[in-house]
Protein backbone atom coordinates (compact mmCIF):
# COMPACT_ATOMS: atom_id res chain seq x y z
CA UNK A 1 -14.99 -26.07 -32.97
CA UNK A 2 -14.31 -27.97 -36.20
CA UNK A 3 -16.07 -31.01 -37.63
CA UNK A 4 -14.56 -33.49 -40.09
CA UNK A 5 -17.04 -35.20 -42.41
CA UNK A 6 -16.43 -38.60 -43.97
CA UNK A 7 -18.55 -40.97 -46.05
CA UNK A 8 -18.00 -44.55 -47.15
CA UNK A 9 -20.12 -47.22 -48.76
CA UNK A 10 -19.35 -50.78 -47.72
CA UNK A 11 -19.22 -53.59 -50.26
CA UNK A 12 -22.70 -54.74 -49.29
CA UNK A 13 -24.18 -51.25 -49.87
CA UNK A 14 -24.49 -49.98 -46.28
CA UNK A 15 -23.67 -46.26 -46.18
CA UNK A 16 -21.58 -44.96 -43.29
CA UNK A 17 -21.37 -41.20 -42.63
CA UNK A 18 -19.75 -39.39 -39.74
CA UNK A 19 -18.95 -35.92 -38.51
CA UNK A 20 -16.16 -36.09 -35.96
CA UNK A 21 -15.28 -33.50 -33.36
CA UNK A 22 -12.29 -34.25 -31.17
CA UNK A 23 -13.44 -31.70 -28.56
CA UNK A 24 -16.63 -33.69 -27.85
CA UNK A 25 -16.77 -36.00 -24.84
CA UNK A 26 -19.36 -38.40 -26.26
CA UNK A 27 -20.88 -39.54 -29.52
CA UNK A 28 -24.29 -40.20 -31.04
CA UNK A 29 -24.70 -43.22 -33.27
CA UNK A 30 -27.74 -43.88 -35.43
CA UNK A 31 -28.81 -46.82 -37.57
CA UNK A 32 -31.35 -45.45 -40.05
CA UNK A 33 -33.51 -47.75 -42.13
CA UNK A 34 -35.45 -46.34 -45.07
CA UNK A 35 -38.77 -47.82 -44.05
CA UNK A 36 -41.76 -46.18 -42.41
CA UNK A 37 -45.53 -46.04 -42.51
CA UNK A 38 -45.56 -44.80 -46.13
CA UNK A 39 -44.06 -48.14 -47.25
CA UNK A 40 -46.75 -50.35 -45.72
CA UNK A 41 -49.54 -52.32 -47.39
CA UNK A 42 -53.01 -51.77 -45.95
CA UNK A 43 -53.15 -55.06 -44.04
CA UNK A 44 -49.83 -54.26 -42.33
CA UNK A 45 -50.55 -50.66 -41.36
CA UNK A 46 -48.29 -49.80 -38.41
CA UNK A 47 -45.86 -52.67 -38.97
CA UNK A 48 -42.77 -50.42 -39.25
CA UNK A 49 -43.52 -48.97 -35.81
CA UNK A 50 -44.27 -52.46 -34.50
CA UNK A 51 -40.91 -53.81 -35.72
CA UNK A 52 -39.13 -50.88 -34.06
CA UNK A 53 -40.72 -52.07 -30.80
CA UNK A 54 -40.25 -55.81 -31.21
CA UNK A 55 -36.53 -55.58 -31.98
CA UNK A 56 -36.01 -54.44 -28.39
CA UNK A 57 -37.68 -57.60 -27.07
CA UNK A 58 -34.70 -59.85 -27.57
CA UNK A 59 -32.30 -61.45 -30.01
CA UNK A 60 -31.02 -64.99 -30.30
CA UNK A 61 -28.39 -64.26 -27.64
CA UNK A 62 -29.74 -61.24 -25.70
CA UNK A 63 -32.89 -60.75 -23.67
CA UNK A 64 -34.75 -57.42 -23.62
CA UNK A 65 -33.00 -56.62 -20.34
CA UNK A 66 -29.62 -57.51 -21.83
CA UNK A 67 -30.16 -55.07 -24.71
CA UNK A 68 -30.96 -52.16 -22.41
CA UNK A 69 -28.31 -53.09 -19.84
CA UNK A 70 -25.54 -53.42 -22.41
CA UNK A 71 -25.38 -49.64 -22.81
CA UNK A 72 -26.95 -48.34 -19.63
CA UNK A 73 -24.42 -50.26 -17.54
CA UNK A 74 -21.60 -48.28 -19.16
CA UNK A 75 -23.30 -44.87 -19.04
CA UNK A 76 -24.94 -44.94 -22.46
CA UNK A 77 -28.51 -44.94 -23.76
CA UNK A 78 -30.41 -46.62 -26.58
CA UNK A 79 -33.69 -45.51 -28.11
CA UNK A 80 -35.60 -45.68 -31.37
CA UNK A 81 -38.45 -44.18 -33.35
CA UNK A 82 -40.43 -44.94 -36.49
CA UNK A 83 -41.71 -42.23 -38.82
CA UNK A 84 -43.39 -41.86 -42.20
CA UNK A 85 -40.30 -42.59 -44.28
CA UNK A 86 -37.65 -43.96 -41.94
CA UNK A 87 -36.96 -45.87 -38.73
CA UNK A 88 -33.97 -45.07 -36.52
CA UNK A 89 -32.16 -46.80 -33.66
CA UNK A 90 -30.08 -44.28 -31.73
CA UNK A 91 -27.31 -44.77 -29.16
CA UNK A 92 -25.57 -42.17 -27.02
CA UNK A 93 -22.32 -43.38 -25.55
CA UNK A 94 -18.75 -42.64 -24.60
CA UNK A 95 -16.18 -43.03 -27.40
CA UNK A 96 -14.73 -46.21 -25.92
CA UNK A 97 -18.18 -47.87 -26.16
CA UNK A 98 -18.50 -47.45 -29.93
CA UNK A 99 -17.85 -51.14 -30.62
CA UNK A 100 -20.31 -52.23 -27.94
CA UNK A 101 -23.01 -49.97 -29.40
CA UNK A 102 -22.55 -51.31 -32.92
CA UNK A 103 -22.58 -54.85 -31.57
CA UNK A 104 -25.85 -54.36 -29.66
CA UNK A 105 -27.79 -52.68 -32.47
CA UNK A 106 -26.22 -54.96 -35.06
CA UNK A 107 -27.47 -57.93 -33.06
CA UNK A 108 -30.98 -56.42 -32.95
CA UNK A 109 -31.04 -55.82 -36.70
CA UNK A 110 -29.43 -59.11 -37.73
CA UNK A 111 -30.64 -61.65 -35.18
CA UNK A 112 -34.05 -60.63 -33.77
CA UNK A 113 -35.81 -63.40 -31.90
CA UNK A 114 -39.34 -62.21 -32.76
CA UNK A 115 -40.83 -64.83 -30.47
CA UNK A 116 -44.54 -65.41 -30.84
CA UNK A 117 -45.24 -64.68 -27.16
CA UNK A 118 -43.31 -61.39 -27.39
CA UNK A 119 -45.24 -60.41 -30.52
CA UNK A 120 -48.58 -61.10 -28.82
CA UNK A 121 -47.53 -59.10 -25.76
CA UNK A 122 -46.28 -56.14 -27.80
CA UNK A 123 -49.48 -56.07 -29.84
CA UNK A 124 -51.38 -55.36 -26.63
CA UNK A 125 -48.88 -52.64 -25.66
CA UNK A 126 -49.24 -50.86 -29.00
CA UNK A 127 -53.02 -51.14 -29.00
CA UNK A 128 -52.91 -49.29 -25.67
CA UNK A 129 -50.58 -46.74 -27.29
CA UNK A 130 -53.16 -46.23 -30.06
CA UNK A 131 -55.92 -45.77 -27.47
CA UNK A 132 -53.77 -43.24 -25.64
CA UNK A 133 -53.18 -41.44 -28.95
CA UNK A 134 -56.89 -41.36 -29.74
CA UNK A 135 -57.57 -39.83 -26.32
CA UNK A 136 -55.42 -36.86 -27.35
CA UNK A 137 -57.49 -34.62 -29.64
CA UNK A 138 -54.47 -32.56 -30.70
CA UNK A 139 -52.78 -35.73 -31.95
CA UNK A 140 -55.99 -36.86 -33.65
CA UNK A 141 -56.49 -33.61 -35.56
CA UNK A 142 -52.91 -33.75 -36.87
CA UNK A 143 -53.46 -37.28 -38.18
CA UNK A 144 -56.74 -36.24 -39.78
CA UNK A 145 -55.20 -33.22 -41.51
CA UNK A 146 -52.55 -35.50 -43.02
CA UNK A 147 -55.28 -37.72 -44.48
CA UNK A 148 -57.11 -34.68 -45.81
CA UNK A 149 -54.09 -32.85 -47.26
CA UNK A 150 -52.22 -35.80 -48.75
CA UNK A 151 -55.26 -37.76 -49.90
CA UNK A 152 -54.11 -41.06 -51.39
CA UNK A 153 -50.41 -40.22 -50.96
CA UNK A 154 -48.76 -43.01 -48.90
CA UNK A 155 -47.47 -40.32 -46.50
CA UNK A 156 -51.01 -40.06 -45.14
CA UNK A 157 -50.87 -43.54 -43.60
CA UNK A 158 -50.98 -43.61 -39.76
CA UNK A 159 -47.62 -44.36 -38.17
CA UNK A 160 -49.12 -46.43 -35.35
CA UNK A 161 -51.52 -48.31 -37.58
CA UNK A 162 -55.00 -49.20 -36.36
CA UNK A 163 -56.21 -51.51 -33.63
CA UNK A 164 -57.49 -53.89 -36.32
CA UNK A 165 -54.26 -53.96 -38.31
CA UNK A 166 -52.01 -54.32 -35.25
CA UNK A 167 -54.32 -56.95 -33.79
CA UNK A 168 -53.79 -59.03 -36.92
CA UNK A 169 -49.99 -59.08 -36.78
CA UNK A 170 -48.27 -62.44 -36.46
CA UNK A 171 -44.75 -63.75 -36.87
CA UNK A 172 -45.75 -65.02 -40.32
CA UNK A 173 -46.67 -61.49 -41.48
CA UNK A 174 -44.16 -59.34 -39.57
CA UNK A 175 -40.99 -61.35 -40.25
CA UNK A 176 -41.22 -61.30 -44.08
CA UNK A 177 -41.77 -57.52 -44.04
CA UNK A 178 -38.75 -57.13 -41.79
CA UNK A 179 -36.59 -59.29 -44.06
CA UNK A 180 -37.66 -57.35 -47.15
CA UNK A 181 -36.80 -53.91 -45.77
CA UNK A 182 -33.95 -54.35 -43.28
CA UNK A 183 -31.43 -54.91 -46.06
CA UNK A 184 -28.04 -53.41 -46.83
CA UNK A 185 -29.12 -51.00 -49.56
CA UNK A 186 -31.69 -49.50 -47.20
CA UNK A 187 -29.45 -48.77 -44.19
CA UNK A 188 -27.46 -45.67 -43.24
CA UNK A 189 -25.17 -45.66 -40.21
CA UNK A 190 -24.50 -42.10 -39.02
CA UNK A 191 -22.34 -40.85 -36.16
CA UNK A 192 -21.41 -37.48 -34.71
CA UNK A 193 -19.21 -36.35 -31.84
CA UNK A 194 -15.96 -37.93 -30.68
CA UNK A 195 -16.02 -40.66 -33.31
CA UNK A 196 -13.21 -42.46 -35.11
CA UNK A 197 -14.57 -43.05 -38.61
CA UNK A 198 -12.17 -45.87 -39.46
CA UNK A 199 -13.09 -47.77 -36.29
CA UNK A 200 -16.75 -47.21 -37.04
CA UNK A 201 -16.30 -48.65 -40.52
CA UNK A 202 -14.55 -51.74 -39.19
CA UNK A 203 -17.20 -52.34 -36.52
CA UNK A 204 -20.10 -51.94 -38.95
CA UNK A 205 -18.45 -54.13 -41.59
CA UNK A 206 -17.86 -56.88 -39.02
CA UNK A 207 -21.03 -56.71 -36.93
CA UNK A 208 -23.84 -55.57 -39.25
CA UNK A 209 -24.49 -58.50 -41.55
CA UNK A 210 -27.89 -57.93 -43.15
CA UNK A 211 -29.08 -59.29 -46.54
CA UNK A 212 -27.25 -57.64 -49.45
CA UNK A 213 -30.04 -56.23 -51.58
CA UNK A 214 -32.30 -53.24 -52.11
CA UNK A 215 -35.67 -52.99 -50.41
CA UNK A 216 -38.84 -53.48 -52.51
CA UNK A 217 -40.61 -50.44 -54.02
CA UNK A 218 -43.06 -48.45 -51.93
CA UNK A 219 -46.44 -49.96 -51.19
CA UNK A 220 -49.77 -48.98 -52.69
CA UNK A 221 -51.51 -45.63 -52.31
CA UNK A 222 -53.54 -44.83 -49.21
CA UNK A 223 -57.23 -45.70 -49.39
CA UNK A 224 -58.67 -43.83 -46.40
CA UNK A 225 -58.31 -40.19 -47.39
CA UNK A 226 -60.66 -37.52 -46.04
CA UNK A 227 -62.46 -34.64 -47.78
CA UNK A 228 -60.94 -31.14 -47.67
CA UNK A 229 -63.49 -29.99 -45.10
CA UNK A 230 -63.99 -32.48 -42.28
CA UNK A 231 -65.38 -32.31 -38.73
CA UNK A 232 -64.87 -34.99 -36.10
CA UNK A 233 -67.29 -34.85 -33.18
CA UNK A 234 -66.15 -36.17 -29.81
CA UNK A 235 -66.44 -35.36 -26.12
CA UNK A 236 -63.70 -32.78 -25.59
CA UNK A 237 -63.74 -29.36 -23.97
CA UNK A 238 -62.05 -27.43 -26.80
CA UNK A 239 -62.27 -27.34 -30.56
CA UNK A 240 -59.01 -28.36 -32.22
CA UNK A 241 -58.54 -26.83 -35.67
CA UNK A 242 -55.98 -27.68 -38.36
CA UNK A 243 -55.82 -25.80 -41.64
CA UNK A 244 -53.32 -27.26 -44.07
CA UNK A 245 -52.07 -27.71 -47.60
CA UNK A 246 -49.42 -29.74 -49.43
CA UNK A 247 -46.08 -27.95 -49.32
CA UNK A 248 -42.62 -28.29 -50.85
CA UNK A 249 -40.54 -31.42 -50.40
CA UNK A 250 -37.12 -31.62 -48.77
CA UNK A 251 -35.63 -31.56 -52.27
CA UNK A 252 -36.98 -28.11 -53.18
CA UNK A 253 -35.11 -24.91 -52.35
CA UNK A 254 -38.39 -23.08 -51.81
CA UNK A 255 -38.69 -24.95 -48.54
CA UNK A 256 -36.59 -22.18 -46.98
CA UNK A 257 -39.15 -19.57 -48.03
CA UNK A 258 -41.88 -21.86 -46.66
CA UNK A 259 -40.05 -22.15 -43.32
CA UNK A 260 -39.65 -18.38 -43.05
CA UNK A 261 -43.28 -17.85 -44.02
CA UNK A 262 -44.35 -20.18 -41.20
CA UNK A 263 -42.16 -18.32 -38.71
CA UNK A 264 -43.51 -14.91 -39.67
CA UNK A 265 -47.08 -16.11 -39.60
CA UNK A 266 -47.12 -18.50 -36.64
CA UNK A 267 -43.63 -19.39 -35.48
CA UNK A 268 -43.34 -17.78 -32.08
CA UNK A 269 -44.64 -15.21 -29.61
CA UNK A 270 -43.97 -12.33 -32.01
CA UNK A 271 -45.68 -14.02 -34.96
CA UNK A 272 -48.81 -12.56 -36.48
CA UNK A 273 -51.11 -15.37 -35.39
CA UNK A 274 -49.85 -15.37 -31.80
CA UNK A 275 -50.27 -11.62 -31.54
CA UNK A 276 -53.67 -11.39 -33.25
CA UNK A 277 -55.38 -14.58 -32.09
CA UNK A 278 -53.95 -14.99 -28.60
CA UNK A 279 -52.54 -11.68 -27.36
CA UNK A 280 -55.10 -9.22 -28.79
CA UNK A 281 -58.24 -11.37 -28.81
CA UNK A 282 -57.63 -14.12 -26.25
CA UNK A 283 -59.16 -16.75 -28.52
CA UNK A 284 -56.54 -19.46 -28.09
CA UNK A 285 -53.82 -20.61 -25.75
CA UNK A 286 -52.08 -22.68 -28.44
CA UNK A 287 -51.76 -21.29 -31.97
CA UNK A 288 -48.92 -21.93 -34.41
CA UNK A 289 -47.75 -22.83 -37.93
CA UNK A 290 -45.49 -25.70 -38.88
CA UNK A 291 -43.91 -27.05 -42.06
CA UNK A 292 -42.84 -30.67 -42.61
CA UNK A 293 -40.68 -31.86 -45.51
CA UNK A 294 -40.38 -35.35 -46.96
CA UNK A 295 -38.81 -36.99 -50.00
CA UNK A 296 -41.54 -36.19 -52.52
CA UNK A 297 -43.90 -33.90 -50.67
CA UNK A 298 -44.43 -31.72 -47.61
CA UNK A 299 -47.17 -30.12 -45.57
CA UNK A 300 -47.82 -26.60 -44.27
CA UNK A 301 -50.34 -26.35 -41.42
CA UNK A 302 -51.93 -23.81 -39.10
CA UNK A 303 -53.13 -25.11 -35.74
CA UNK A 304 -55.23 -23.58 -32.97
CA UNK A 305 -57.31 -24.84 -30.05
CA UNK A 306 -60.27 -22.64 -29.08
CA UNK A 307 -63.60 -22.40 -27.31
CA UNK A 308 -66.00 -24.52 -29.44
CA UNK A 309 -68.44 -21.62 -29.66
CA UNK A 310 -65.72 -19.43 -31.16
CA UNK A 311 -64.36 -21.85 -33.75
CA UNK A 312 -65.77 -20.05 -36.81
CA UNK A 313 -64.84 -16.69 -35.36
CA UNK A 314 -61.26 -17.88 -34.86
CA UNK A 315 -60.95 -19.21 -38.41
CA UNK A 316 -62.32 -15.89 -39.67
CA UNK A 317 -59.50 -14.04 -37.89
CA UNK A 318 -56.92 -16.44 -39.31
CA UNK A 319 -58.36 -15.87 -42.79
CA UNK A 320 -58.19 -12.11 -42.28
CA UNK A 321 -54.49 -12.34 -41.39
CA UNK A 322 -53.83 -14.55 -44.41
CA UNK A 323 -55.52 -12.00 -46.69
CA UNK A 324 -53.33 -9.25 -45.24
CA UNK A 325 -50.20 -11.35 -45.66
CA UNK A 326 -51.01 -12.24 -49.28
CA UNK A 327 -51.82 -8.64 -50.10
CA UNK A 328 -48.91 -6.86 -48.41
CA UNK A 329 -46.21 -9.48 -47.91
CA UNK A 330 -43.81 -9.40 -44.96
CA UNK A 331 -42.00 -6.43 -43.52
CA UNK A 332 -38.23 -6.12 -43.39
CA UNK A 333 -38.31 -6.38 -39.60
CA UNK A 334 -40.46 -9.52 -39.73
CA UNK A 335 -38.16 -11.17 -42.27
CA UNK A 336 -35.05 -10.22 -40.30
CA UNK A 337 -36.54 -11.60 -37.09
CA UNK A 338 -37.68 -14.83 -38.79
CA UNK A 339 -34.21 -15.40 -40.22
CA UNK A 340 -32.63 -14.93 -36.82
CA UNK A 341 -35.14 -17.33 -35.27
CA UNK A 342 -34.33 -19.92 -37.93
CA UNK A 343 -30.61 -19.40 -37.47
CA UNK A 344 -30.86 -19.67 -33.71
CA UNK A 345 -33.06 -22.75 -33.88
CA UNK A 346 -30.64 -24.50 -36.22
CA UNK A 347 -27.42 -23.57 -34.44
CA UNK A 348 -28.73 -24.10 -30.91
CA UNK A 349 -30.16 -27.45 -31.95
CA UNK A 350 -26.82 -28.51 -33.40
CA UNK A 351 -25.17 -28.12 -30.01
CA UNK A 352 -26.53 -31.66 -29.58
CA UNK A 353 -24.50 -34.52 -31.06
CA UNK A 354 -27.76 -36.42 -31.58
CA UNK A 355 -29.18 -33.55 -33.65
CA UNK A 356 -26.01 -33.37 -35.75
CA UNK A 357 -26.09 -37.13 -36.30
CA UNK A 358 -29.77 -36.98 -37.32
CA UNK A 359 -29.05 -34.15 -39.75
CA UNK A 360 -26.24 -36.21 -41.33
CA UNK A 361 -28.53 -39.21 -41.80
CA UNK A 362 -31.39 -37.17 -43.26
CA UNK A 363 -29.08 -35.46 -45.74
CA UNK A 364 -27.76 -38.83 -46.88
CA UNK A 365 -31.30 -40.20 -47.07
CA UNK A 366 -32.83 -37.27 -48.96
CA UNK A 367 -30.05 -35.80 -51.12
CA UNK A 368 -27.21 -38.31 -50.93
CA UNK A 369 -24.59 -35.73 -50.04
CA UNK A 370 -23.24 -33.65 -47.18
CA UNK A 371 -24.53 -30.10 -46.89
CA UNK A 372 -22.55 -28.04 -44.36
CA UNK A 373 -24.56 -26.07 -41.84
CA UNK A 374 -23.08 -22.89 -43.27
CA UNK A 375 -24.50 -23.73 -46.71
CA UNK A 376 -28.01 -24.31 -45.33
CA UNK A 377 -27.81 -21.05 -43.38
CA UNK A 378 -26.64 -19.14 -46.42
CA UNK A 379 -29.58 -20.43 -48.46
CA UNK A 380 -31.99 -19.37 -45.74
CA UNK A 381 -30.37 -15.97 -45.19
CA UNK A 382 -30.50 -15.25 -48.94
CA UNK A 383 -34.27 -15.65 -49.12
CA UNK A 384 -35.83 -12.29 -49.97
CA UNK A 385 -39.05 -10.75 -48.78
CA UNK A 386 -40.39 -11.07 -52.33
CA UNK A 387 -39.66 -14.82 -52.28
CA UNK A 388 -41.59 -15.23 -49.01
CA UNK A 389 -44.45 -13.17 -50.47
CA UNK A 390 -44.52 -15.38 -53.59
CA UNK A 391 -44.57 -18.47 -51.39
CA UNK A 392 -47.46 -17.00 -49.39
CA UNK A 393 -49.48 -16.34 -52.54
CA UNK A 394 -48.67 -19.81 -53.85
CA UNK A 395 -49.25 -21.88 -50.73
CA UNK A 396 -52.04 -19.95 -48.99
CA UNK A 397 -54.64 -20.93 -51.56
CA UNK A 398 -58.12 -21.27 -50.03
CA UNK A 399 -59.39 -23.40 -52.92
CA UNK A 400 -56.84 -26.09 -52.05
CA UNK A 401 -56.67 -25.69 -48.27
CA UNK A 402 -57.98 -28.41 -46.01
CA UNK A 403 -59.89 -27.57 -42.84
CA UNK A 404 -60.19 -30.29 -40.19
CA UNK A 405 -61.76 -29.84 -36.77
CA UNK A 406 -62.15 -32.04 -33.71
CA UNK A 407 -64.69 -30.79 -31.18
CA UNK A 408 -67.87 -31.49 -29.19
CA UNK A 409 -71.25 -31.61 -30.92
CA UNK A 410 -71.98 -28.09 -29.61
CA UNK A 411 -69.11 -26.66 -31.70
CA UNK A 412 -69.80 -23.88 -34.15
CA UNK A 413 -67.93 -25.87 -36.78
CA UNK A 414 -66.25 -23.79 -39.49
CA UNK A 415 -67.15 -24.51 -43.10
CA UNK A 416 -65.54 -24.02 -46.49
CA UNK A 417 -66.99 -20.50 -46.71
CA UNK A 418 -64.87 -19.54 -43.68
CA UNK A 419 -61.72 -20.12 -45.71
CA UNK A 420 -62.02 -16.60 -47.01
CA UNK A 421 -58.58 -15.83 -48.41
């Protein structure tokens, strides 16, 4: 199966990238806007996510039903998400519906109605989404660790915003923010699958008419950071623990060593944490590591959910495993297994045209060039055990680690002294 990559920049600055595969039966099309929660001023916290919602509520010529029906009625789908650094509108469709897909999303991005009644209604919907989020302690602890690890870095801002900030949205505040950021220099159109690049270019050039300028610089720093050691007491049955530290950005090659470190330590059923904390000691059902990478920073975290009375004990076992890892490094078998897990995860994921399209867009967004899958794999496969060991000694630094817990008042909350590594 071969893929043909092409890239063009339209006269107005919109970037169009595609990876075509004539053997595919469908295509994935994404409109990526370089705006997310990290771009927001304090009084508009959550506005990027809100705009992602409100654009589905109608344009000057289409109702909300018309937007959904335009693709669903011909066997396609349309969805969207907002993140820390970007917002994406994603269509899955048959090749013959490429023009229709560009027309629908182009209409949403160029001609949103943003009616006052729709804004008021969607504010209530998102406030309920925030309440639902706050009822999920695992979600809460991940948001808190971001505030603790990143401090005043704009990446720490909550994607959903707060009930106060969302409650204050109006057409007068949302529309100017939309007009400032949904501009040509801030948009990437990416496609993968059975896609004709030249047709895509023509459709985008004709149907996506946004203001021709760059978006404004990022907003101010975050003002609601948390201390390194933080406990949140609430009525839950388990204690949710996140240990984390700032990690490499997407731009740094050491991210591959960080990924492999996370896989060895907490990336699957054969990982050290899973075996020691769950299988041998039965302290947790859920225990894992994860690494996230962004434009200028990243985050490496360890998560586990345990009996509140065994929270300190559990952190002590994690610390013990970290000490062993920093002292001895990883074995050849562990490194080989981690590399195969990473390879399998990447290649199996790229069976999806949506995943391939998303990878294209992120590469354009972060590095401005196409990196073949084979190149990324080669970089990962060339990481040595010594490199992973160096990353472990660098990143697993107790003096800089954050420790955030969410649990009932009866929890044996871990303290800074429990970060013994």
